[in-house]
Protein backbone atom coordinates (compact mmCIF):
# COMPACT_ATOMS: atom_id res chain seq x y z
CA MET A 1 0.00 0.00 0.00
CA ILE A 2 1.39 3.39 -0.98
CA GLY A 3 1.66 5.92 1.82
CA ARG A 4 1.38 3.59 4.81
CA HIS A 5 2.99 0.48 6.20
CA ARG A 6 1.26 -2.86 5.72
CA VAL A 7 1.43 -3.44 9.47
CA SER A 8 1.09 -0.80 12.18
CA ASN A 9 3.85 1.76 12.71
CA ARG A 10 4.15 0.42 16.25
CA SER A 11 4.92 -3.10 15.06
CA ILE A 12 7.44 -1.77 12.51
CA LEU A 13 9.15 0.28 15.22
CA ILE A 14 9.29 -2.61 17.70
CA ALA A 15 10.74 -4.96 15.08
CA ALA A 16 13.31 -2.43 13.87
CA LEU A 17 14.49 -1.36 17.31
CA SER A 18 14.59 -4.84 18.83
CA THR A 19 17.83 -5.70 17.01
CA VAL A 20 19.53 -3.70 19.78
CA VAL A 21 19.74 -6.84 21.91
CA GLU A 22 21.43 -9.17 19.44
CA TRP A 23 24.21 -6.73 18.65
CA TYR A 24 24.60 -5.67 22.27
CA ASP A 25 25.43 -9.20 23.30
CA PHE A 26 27.69 -10.26 20.47
CA THR A 27 29.65 -7.03 20.31
CA LEU A 28 29.84 -6.97 24.11
CA TYR A 29 31.75 -10.26 24.05
CA LEU A 30 34.29 -8.83 21.58
CA TYR A 31 34.58 -5.40 23.19
CA PHE A 32 34.99 -7.15 26.55
CA ALA A 33 37.31 -9.85 25.17
CA THR A 34 40.42 -8.68 27.02
CA VAL A 35 38.52 -8.59 30.33
CA LEU A 36 36.86 -11.99 29.76
CA SER A 37 40.24 -13.49 28.88
CA ARG A 38 41.42 -12.64 32.39
CA VAL A 39 38.19 -13.58 34.18
CA PHE A 40 37.64 -16.97 32.51
CA PHE A 41 41.00 -17.98 31.08
CA GLY A 42 43.53 -16.61 33.55
CA GLY A 43 44.96 -13.77 31.42
CA GLY A 44 47.90 -13.52 29.03
CA GLU A 45 48.30 -13.44 25.25
CA GLN A 46 47.13 -17.01 24.75
CA ALA A 47 44.05 -16.31 26.90
CA LEU A 48 42.91 -13.57 24.49
CA LEU A 49 43.34 -15.89 21.52
CA THR A 50 41.35 -18.59 23.34
CA THR A 51 38.58 -16.09 24.13
CA LEU A 52 38.37 -15.08 20.47
CA ALA A 53 38.46 -18.73 19.39
CA GLY A 54 35.53 -19.49 21.69
CA PHE A 55 33.61 -16.66 20.05
CA ALA A 56 34.41 -18.08 16.61
CA VAL A 57 33.35 -21.65 17.42
CA ALA A 58 30.14 -20.59 19.15
CA TYR A 59 29.32 -18.43 16.15
CA LEU A 60 29.11 -21.59 14.06
CA MET A 61 25.85 -22.31 15.89
CA ARG A 62 24.21 -19.40 14.07
CA PRO A 63 23.43 -21.37 10.88
CA VAL A 64 22.00 -24.19 13.02
CA GLY A 65 19.75 -21.68 14.75
CA ALA A 66 18.87 -20.10 11.41
CA ALA A 67 17.66 -23.46 10.07
CA ALA A 68 15.59 -24.16 13.19
CA PHE A 69 14.10 -20.70 13.60
CA GLY A 70 13.69 -20.22 9.85
CA HIS A 71 11.49 -23.32 9.80
CA ILE A 72 9.39 -21.87 12.62
CA GLY A 73 9.14 -18.53 10.83
CA ASP A 74 8.07 -20.01 7.50
CA ARG A 75 5.70 -22.61 8.95
CA TYR A 76 4.20 -20.93 12.01
CA GLY A 77 4.85 -17.21 11.59
CA ARG A 78 7.48 -14.49 11.99
CA ARG A 79 6.07 -13.46 15.39
CA PRO A 80 6.52 -16.86 17.16
CA MET A 81 9.99 -17.08 15.65
CA LEU A 82 11.04 -13.71 17.06
CA LEU A 83 9.48 -14.33 20.48
CA LEU A 84 11.16 -17.70 20.95
CA SER A 85 14.62 -16.52 19.86
CA MET A 86 14.47 -13.54 22.22
CA ALA A 87 13.34 -15.67 25.18
CA LEU A 88 16.29 -18.00 24.67
CA MET A 89 18.67 -15.07 24.33
CA SER A 90 17.42 -13.50 27.57
CA ALA A 91 17.98 -16.73 29.49
CA ALA A 92 21.50 -17.21 28.08
CA MET A 93 22.59 -13.67 28.97
CA LEU A 94 21.25 -13.92 32.51
CA ALA A 95 22.99 -17.28 32.99
CA THR A 96 26.26 -15.77 31.72
CA ALA A 97 26.06 -13.01 34.32
CA LEU A 98 25.75 -15.66 37.05
CA LEU A 99 28.71 -17.84 35.99
CA PRO A 100 31.61 -18.66 38.31
CA THR A 101 35.02 -17.26 37.33
CA HIS A 102 38.32 -18.99 36.60
CA ALA A 103 39.45 -18.16 40.12
CA GLN A 104 36.36 -19.87 41.53
CA ALA A 105 35.92 -22.90 39.27
CA GLY A 106 39.06 -23.22 37.16
CA ILE A 107 38.69 -24.52 33.62
CA ALA A 108 35.03 -25.42 34.27
CA ALA A 109 34.21 -21.70 34.19
CA ALA A 110 35.59 -21.42 30.66
CA TRP A 111 33.59 -24.44 29.47
CA LEU A 112 30.38 -23.04 30.96
CA LEU A 113 31.00 -19.73 29.21
CA PHE A 114 31.57 -21.56 25.94
CA ALA A 115 28.36 -23.58 26.33
CA LEU A 116 26.31 -20.44 26.91
CA ARG A 117 27.96 -18.78 23.91
CA CYS A 118 26.75 -21.73 21.81
CA VAL A 119 23.21 -21.24 23.14
CA MET A 120 23.47 -17.56 22.31
CA GLY A 121 24.77 -18.29 18.82
CA PHE A 122 21.86 -20.67 18.23
CA SER A 123 19.25 -18.14 19.36
CA VAL A 124 20.81 -15.28 17.39
CA GLY A 125 20.49 -17.43 14.26
CA GLY A 126 16.81 -16.55 14.14
CA GLU A 127 17.10 -12.95 15.23
CA TYR A 128 18.37 -10.49 12.67
CA THR A 129 17.19 -12.31 9.56
CA GLY A 130 13.77 -12.84 11.15
CA VAL A 131 13.49 -9.11 11.81
CA ILE A 132 14.58 -8.24 8.25
CA ALA A 133 12.02 -10.66 6.77
CA TYR A 134 9.31 -9.10 8.95
CA LEU A 135 10.26 -5.54 7.97
CA LEU A 136 10.38 -6.32 4.25
CA GLU A 137 6.91 -7.80 4.45
CA GLY A 138 5.47 -5.08 6.67
CA ALA A 139 6.98 -1.89 5.25
CA ARG A 140 5.69 -0.07 2.21
CA ALA A 141 7.69 -1.02 -0.88
CA GLU A 142 9.25 2.35 -1.69
CA ARG A 143 10.71 2.70 1.81
CA ARG A 144 12.04 -0.80 2.42
CA GLY A 145 15.66 0.38 2.30
CA LEU A 146 15.10 3.03 4.96
CA VAL A 147 13.01 0.78 7.20
CA ALA A 148 15.47 -2.13 7.00
CA SER A 149 18.34 0.29 7.65
CA LEU A 150 16.61 1.30 10.88
CA ALA A 151 17.08 -2.27 12.08
CA ALA A 152 20.75 -2.01 11.14
CA ALA A 153 20.98 1.35 12.91
CA ALA A 154 19.29 -0.09 16.00
CA SER A 155 21.81 -2.90 16.01
CA GLU A 156 24.52 -0.23 16.04
CA VAL A 157 22.76 1.33 19.02
CA GLY A 158 23.18 -2.06 20.67
CA ALA A 159 26.87 -2.01 19.77
CA LEU A 160 27.15 1.53 21.14
CA LEU A 161 25.51 0.45 24.38
CA ALA A 162 27.87 -2.50 24.59
CA VAL A 163 31.03 -0.48 24.12
CA ALA A 164 29.78 2.34 26.38
CA VAL A 165 28.83 -0.03 29.21
CA SER A 166 32.15 -1.85 28.76
CA ALA A 167 34.12 1.40 28.82
CA LEU A 168 32.29 2.65 31.93
CA THR A 169 32.77 -0.65 33.72
CA VAL A 170 36.50 -0.80 32.95
CA SER A 171 37.04 2.89 33.74
CA LEU A 172 35.14 3.08 37.04
CA LEU A 173 36.24 -0.16 38.68
CA SER A 174 39.58 -1.37 39.92
CA GLU A 175 41.08 -4.49 38.37
CA ALA A 176 40.21 -6.49 41.49
CA GLN A 177 36.58 -5.30 41.41
CA LEU A 178 36.37 -5.96 37.69
CA GLN A 179 37.52 -9.57 37.97
CA SER A 180 35.54 -10.26 41.13
CA TRP A 181 32.08 -8.96 40.21
CA GLY A 182 32.25 -5.96 37.88
CA TRP A 183 32.42 -8.01 34.67
CA ARG A 184 28.88 -9.26 35.42
CA ILE A 185 27.31 -5.80 35.09
CA PRO A 186 27.24 -5.60 31.25
CA PHE A 187 25.63 -9.06 31.01
CA LEU A 188 22.96 -8.19 33.58
CA VAL A 189 22.17 -5.04 31.59
CA GLY A 190 21.84 -7.20 28.47
CA ALA A 191 19.51 -9.67 30.16
CA ALA A 192 17.23 -6.85 31.33
CA LEU A 193 17.24 -5.31 27.88
CA ALA A 194 16.34 -8.64 26.25
CA GLY A 195 13.45 -9.18 28.67
CA ALA A 196 12.05 -5.74 27.86
CA VAL A 197 12.27 -6.42 24.12
CA TRP A 198 10.46 -9.77 24.54
CA LEU A 199 7.57 -7.99 26.25
CA ALA A 200 7.40 -5.43 23.44
CA ARG A 201 7.50 -8.11 20.75
CA SER A 202 4.56 -9.93 22.34
CA THR A 203 2.34 -7.06 21.11
CA MET A 204 3.49 -7.20 17.44
CA GLU A 205 1.18 -8.10 14.57
CA GLU A 206 1.94 -11.06 12.30
CA SER A 207 3.48 -10.48 8.87
CA PRO A 208 0.75 -9.86 6.25
CA ASP A 209 2.66 -11.95 3.67
CA PHE A 210 2.73 -14.92 6.01
CA GLU A 211 -0.96 -14.53 6.86
CA GLN A 212 -1.81 -14.45 3.14
CA ALA A 213 0.30 -17.51 2.38
CA ARG A 214 -1.33 -19.39 5.25
CA ALA A 215 -4.79 -18.41 4.02
CA ASP A 216 -3.89 -19.49 0.46
CA GLY A 217 -2.42 -22.80 1.66
CA THR A 218 0.93 -22.10 -0.04
CA LEU A 219 3.20 -22.53 3.00
CA PRO A 220 5.88 -25.13 2.10
CA GLU A 221 6.04 -28.25 4.27
CA ARG A 222 9.83 -28.07 4.31
CA PRO A 223 10.84 -24.41 3.89
CA LEU A 224 14.59 -25.05 3.98
CA VAL A 225 14.36 -27.67 1.24
CA HIS A 226 12.21 -25.23 -0.75
CA ALA A 227 14.87 -22.53 -0.44
CA LEU A 228 17.79 -24.85 -1.24
CA SER A 229 16.10 -26.35 -4.30
CA ARG A 230 14.35 -23.31 -5.78
CA GLN A 231 16.36 -20.29 -4.63
CA ARG A 232 20.00 -21.30 -5.08
CA GLY A 233 20.98 -18.10 -6.86
CA ALA A 234 19.44 -16.06 -4.07
CA LEU A 235 21.45 -18.05 -1.51
CA VAL A 236 24.70 -17.27 -3.34
CA ARG A 237 23.90 -13.57 -3.55
CA ALA A 238 22.84 -13.38 0.10
CA PHE A 239 26.05 -15.19 1.08
CA ALA A 240 28.20 -12.65 -0.81
CA ILE A 241 26.34 -9.69 0.70
CA SER A 242 26.63 -11.12 4.20
CA ALA A 243 30.29 -12.08 3.78
CA LEU A 244 31.34 -8.51 3.05
CA GLY A 245 28.96 -7.06 5.61
CA SER A 246 30.22 -9.44 8.28
CA ILE A 247 33.94 -8.95 7.80
CA THR A 248 33.68 -5.16 7.55
CA TYR A 249 31.66 -5.14 10.77
CA TYR A 250 33.43 -7.72 12.90
CA VAL A 251 36.97 -6.87 11.81
CA GLY A 252 36.42 -3.21 10.95
CA ILE A 253 34.49 -2.33 14.11
CA THR A 254 34.25 -4.85 16.93
CA TYR A 255 37.80 -6.23 16.64
CA VAL A 256 39.28 -2.72 16.72
CA PRO A 257 39.50 -2.33 20.55
CA ALA A 258 41.49 -5.58 20.86
CA PHE A 259 43.67 -4.49 17.92
CA LEU A 260 44.38 -1.09 19.47
CA ALA A 261 45.15 -2.60 22.87
CA THR A 262 47.63 -5.13 21.41
CA ALA A 263 49.00 -3.90 18.06
CA GLY A 264 48.54 -0.22 18.88
CA SER A 265 49.65 1.78 21.90
CA LEU A 266 46.31 2.76 23.45
CA SER A 267 45.08 1.54 26.82
CA GLU A 268 42.13 -0.81 27.15
CA ALA A 269 39.84 1.98 28.38
CA ALA A 270 41.01 4.45 25.69
CA SER A 271 40.42 1.86 22.96
CA LEU A 272 36.86 1.30 24.18
CA TRP A 273 36.05 5.02 24.31
CA LEU A 274 37.44 5.47 20.81
CA SER A 275 35.21 2.65 19.61
CA THR A 276 32.24 4.40 21.21
CA VAL A 277 32.80 7.37 18.91
CA ALA A 278 33.06 5.01 15.93
CA ALA A 279 29.75 3.38 16.92
CA ILE A 280 28.04 6.79 16.90
CA ALA A 281 29.37 7.37 13.37
CA VAL A 282 27.82 4.08 12.26
CA ILE A 283 24.41 4.99 13.69
CA LEU A 284 24.44 8.29 11.80
CA ILE A 285 25.48 6.86 8.41
CA THR A 286 23.18 3.81 8.36
CA PRO A 287 19.78 5.49 7.65
CA VAL A 288 21.46 7.79 5.12
CA VAL A 289 22.68 4.81 3.10
CA GLY A 290 19.26 3.15 3.49
CA LEU A 291 17.59 6.21 1.96
CA LEU A 292 20.14 6.33 -0.84
CA SER A 293 19.48 2.69 -1.67
CA ASP A 294 15.76 3.51 -2.00
CA ARG A 295 16.61 6.46 -4.25
CA PHE A 296 19.33 4.96 -6.48
CA GLY A 297 19.00 1.22 -5.96
CA ARG A 298 20.70 -1.60 -4.03
CA ARG A 299 23.20 -2.61 -6.73
CA PRO A 300 24.98 0.80 -7.08
CA ALA A 301 25.25 1.06 -3.29
CA LEU A 302 26.71 -2.44 -2.97
CA LEU A 303 29.23 -1.81 -5.76
CA ALA A 304 30.37 1.49 -4.23
CA LEU A 305 30.76 -0.02 -0.75
CA ALA A 306 32.63 -3.05 -2.09
CA ALA A 307 35.05 -0.71 -3.89
CA LEU A 308 35.61 1.30 -0.71
CA SER A 309 36.12 -1.92 1.26
CA ALA A 310 38.76 -3.04 -1.22
CA VAL A 311 40.76 0.18 -0.91
CA LEU A 312 40.40 1.79 2.53
CA PRO A 313 40.75 -0.81 5.35
CA THR A 314 44.41 -1.75 4.72
CA ALA A 315 45.47 1.87 5.06
CA MET A 316 43.21 2.47 8.06
CA PHE A 317 44.64 -0.41 10.13
CA SER A 318 48.17 0.80 9.39
CA LEU A 319 47.09 4.26 10.45
CA MET A 320 45.60 3.02 13.73
CA ALA A 321 48.79 1.19 14.66
CA GLY A 322 50.84 4.39 14.42
CA GLY A 323 50.42 5.28 18.09
CA SER A 324 48.54 8.56 17.71
CA ALA A 325 45.11 8.69 19.34
CA ALA A 326 43.90 11.18 16.70
CA LEU A 327 44.99 8.94 13.81
CA ALA A 328 43.52 5.90 15.54
CA LEU A 329 40.20 7.72 15.87
CA ALA A 330 40.24 8.76 12.21
CA GLY A 331 40.98 5.22 11.07
CA ALA A 332 38.30 3.71 13.31
CA VAL A 333 35.64 6.18 12.12
CA VAL A 334 36.40 5.54 8.43
CA LEU A 335 36.17 1.79 8.97
CA ALA A 336 32.92 2.25 10.90
CA LEU A 337 31.35 4.35 8.12
CA VAL A 338 32.12 1.70 5.49
CA ALA A 339 30.80 -1.10 7.71
CA GLY A 340 27.68 0.87 8.64
CA GLY A 341 26.89 1.54 5.01
CA MET A 342 27.30 -2.12 4.16
CA SER A 343 25.01 -3.15 7.02
CA ALA A 344 22.34 -0.70 5.86
CA VAL A 345 22.08 -1.80 2.23
CA GLY A 346 23.05 -5.42 2.89
CA ALA A 347 20.03 -6.08 5.08
CA VAL A 348 17.42 -5.09 2.51
CA ALA A 349 19.35 -6.34 -0.53
CA ALA A 350 19.79 -9.83 0.91
CA GLY A 351 16.15 -10.09 1.99
CA GLU A 352 14.89 -9.02 -1.42
CA GLN A 353 16.64 -11.96 -3.08
CA PHE A 354 14.09 -14.47 -1.70
CA ALA A 355 10.47 -15.34 -2.39
CA GLY A 356 8.17 -14.99 0.61
CA GLU A 357 7.27 -18.68 1.05
CA SER A 358 10.72 -19.61 2.33
CA ARG A 359 12.22 -16.18 2.97
CA ALA A 360 13.00 -16.76 6.65
CA SER A 361 14.77 -20.06 5.93
CA GLY A 362 16.60 -18.92 2.80
CA LEU A 363 17.68 -15.58 4.21
CA GLY A 364 18.63 -17.21 7.50
CA ILE A 365 20.91 -19.82 5.90
CA GLY A 366 22.39 -17.59 3.19
CA TYR A 367 23.08 -14.79 5.65
CA THR A 368 24.20 -16.69 8.73
CA VAL A 369 26.53 -19.21 7.05
CA ALA A 370 28.52 -16.27 5.70
CA THR A 371 28.32 -14.51 9.06
CA ALA A 372 29.62 -17.59 10.87
CA VAL A 373 32.69 -17.73 8.61
CA PHE A 374 33.39 -14.07 7.92
CA GLY A 375 32.10 -12.72 11.23
CA GLY A 376 32.78 -15.30 13.90
CA LEU A 377 36.13 -16.56 12.64
CA THR A 378 37.69 -13.35 11.38
CA PRO A 379 38.53 -11.55 14.68
CA TYR A 380 40.50 -14.63 15.74
CA ALA A 381 42.14 -14.94 12.32
CA ALA A 382 42.99 -11.24 12.30
CA GLN A 383 44.66 -11.45 15.72
CA ARG A 384 46.66 -14.52 14.69
CA LEU A 385 47.82 -12.85 11.47
CA VAL A 386 48.85 -9.65 13.23
CA GLU A 387 50.80 -11.60 15.85
CA GLY A 388 52.30 -14.04 13.34
CA THR A 389 53.41 -11.50 10.73
CA GLY A 390 53.92 -8.38 12.81
CA ALA A 391 52.04 -6.49 10.06
CA PRO A 392 49.22 -4.30 11.43
CA ALA A 393 47.68 -4.01 7.95
CA MET A 394 46.70 -7.70 7.84
CA PRO A 395 43.08 -7.19 9.08
CA GLY A 396 42.58 -4.62 6.32
CA ILE A 397 43.99 -7.00 3.72
CA MET A 398 41.49 -9.63 4.88
CA ILE A 399 38.62 -7.21 4.24
CA ALA A 400 40.03 -6.25 0.84
CA VAL A 401 40.23 -9.89 -0.30
CA VAL A 402 36.56 -10.49 0.53
CA ALA A 403 35.57 -7.21 -1.16
CA PHE A 404 37.33 -8.18 -4.41
CA ALA A 405 35.64 -11.60 -4.32
CA ALA A 406 32.19 -10.04 -3.79
CA LEU A 407 32.48 -7.41 -6.52
CA PRO A 408 31.70 -9.77 -9.46
CA VAL A 409 28.61 -11.08 -7.64
CA PHE A 410 27.36 -7.54 -7.05
CA TRP A 411 28.11 -6.57 -10.66
CA LEU A 412 26.00 -9.45 -12.02
CA MET A 413 23.20 -8.90 -9.51
CA ARG A 414 19.87 -7.60 -10.77
CA GLU A 415 18.40 -4.54 -9.12
CA THR A 416 15.74 -5.42 -6.53
CA ALA A 417 14.64 -2.00 -5.27
CA PRO A 418 10.94 -1.41 -6.16
CA GLY A 419 10.70 0.95 -9.11
CA LYS A 420 14.36 0.35 -10.03
CA ALA A 421 14.26 -3.33 -10.99
CA MET A 422 14.89 -4.16 -14.63
CA GLY A 423 12.87 -7.35 -14.52
CA GLN A 424 11.84 -10.23 -12.37
CA ARG A 425 14.19 -13.02 -11.42
């Protein structure tokens, strides 16, 4: 319908803003990685690598969660899918806040943390892609880019909250307080936030596309099989979009505090405050890029962002390692702007690749498999490469390689923005 959303503005707003929780938790773990390495793994260089490795392995649960929650979303509705994933996420964050530390339970503490990270990875598998599917089906066609970018912007608000709470916790507490009880504060905040979002989601309307498909009797019995057999091209395109979006975000934003604290010369607290500024930059750029994708199309935006990702990150990581706080801030902000732009257009462009009958399953698998590889694994890989080669530009080179690989896919991609498309797939 032109001029109004297909579901209420309230439901659109709740769906868009609820991505705060997912990004709060996952970026919190990375922003807080140096602290968690001491609390759960005893501290030291190897402890940080182990913490990042645990993040990477747990992230592999995202595609498993995407398959499970995608099936629920395509068979029973987007609303039950989003309620169940958020309930599981709330429980996992609260349990994390109550864990014993390495000093209290030894290696068992680390294994418990890892198990809860796996639960979190599973629940997050149905989160972001479920929200994007809901927004695409509920927003009016000519504003899908802007509306989907609001979900990306809200996720950056979650990242901003994570880095701000982390910075405050580290800055205001002594090391003894931090390791004894202070590290629990950010996870308790996350659990409370997730509970509030669950309550808000319980009032959302169901997707009109899903309701229509259910009324028409066209819901597939096996949505994942439907997506894998009938939407293979869409899966490839969604994978490419998510691969570049993931590595620019997780290496270009959330890995930066650990990079600055190890390869650079900034303190842990200074690195976190710098990343807070970068997170604000992302929030500001995201809706702008969403609007531009509605005006000029998804394909031009993806091509421009891939070109920037191929050129800028290598220089920015070298700049950040120079020791100057001003140069580190400039490098972090540039990386954040590129990643924020990619998140904004990537969300809507990936969702528009799929037909509605199996959109939750197809988008979930195509998006989260790439995220598991190029999001979960890359902070660990970046740290290993920096330590192994002594070259601070290595994280930027990683981003550039993925950008060059994605460019041909984006070039061959048909336009999907309503009013800009050259034809139907």
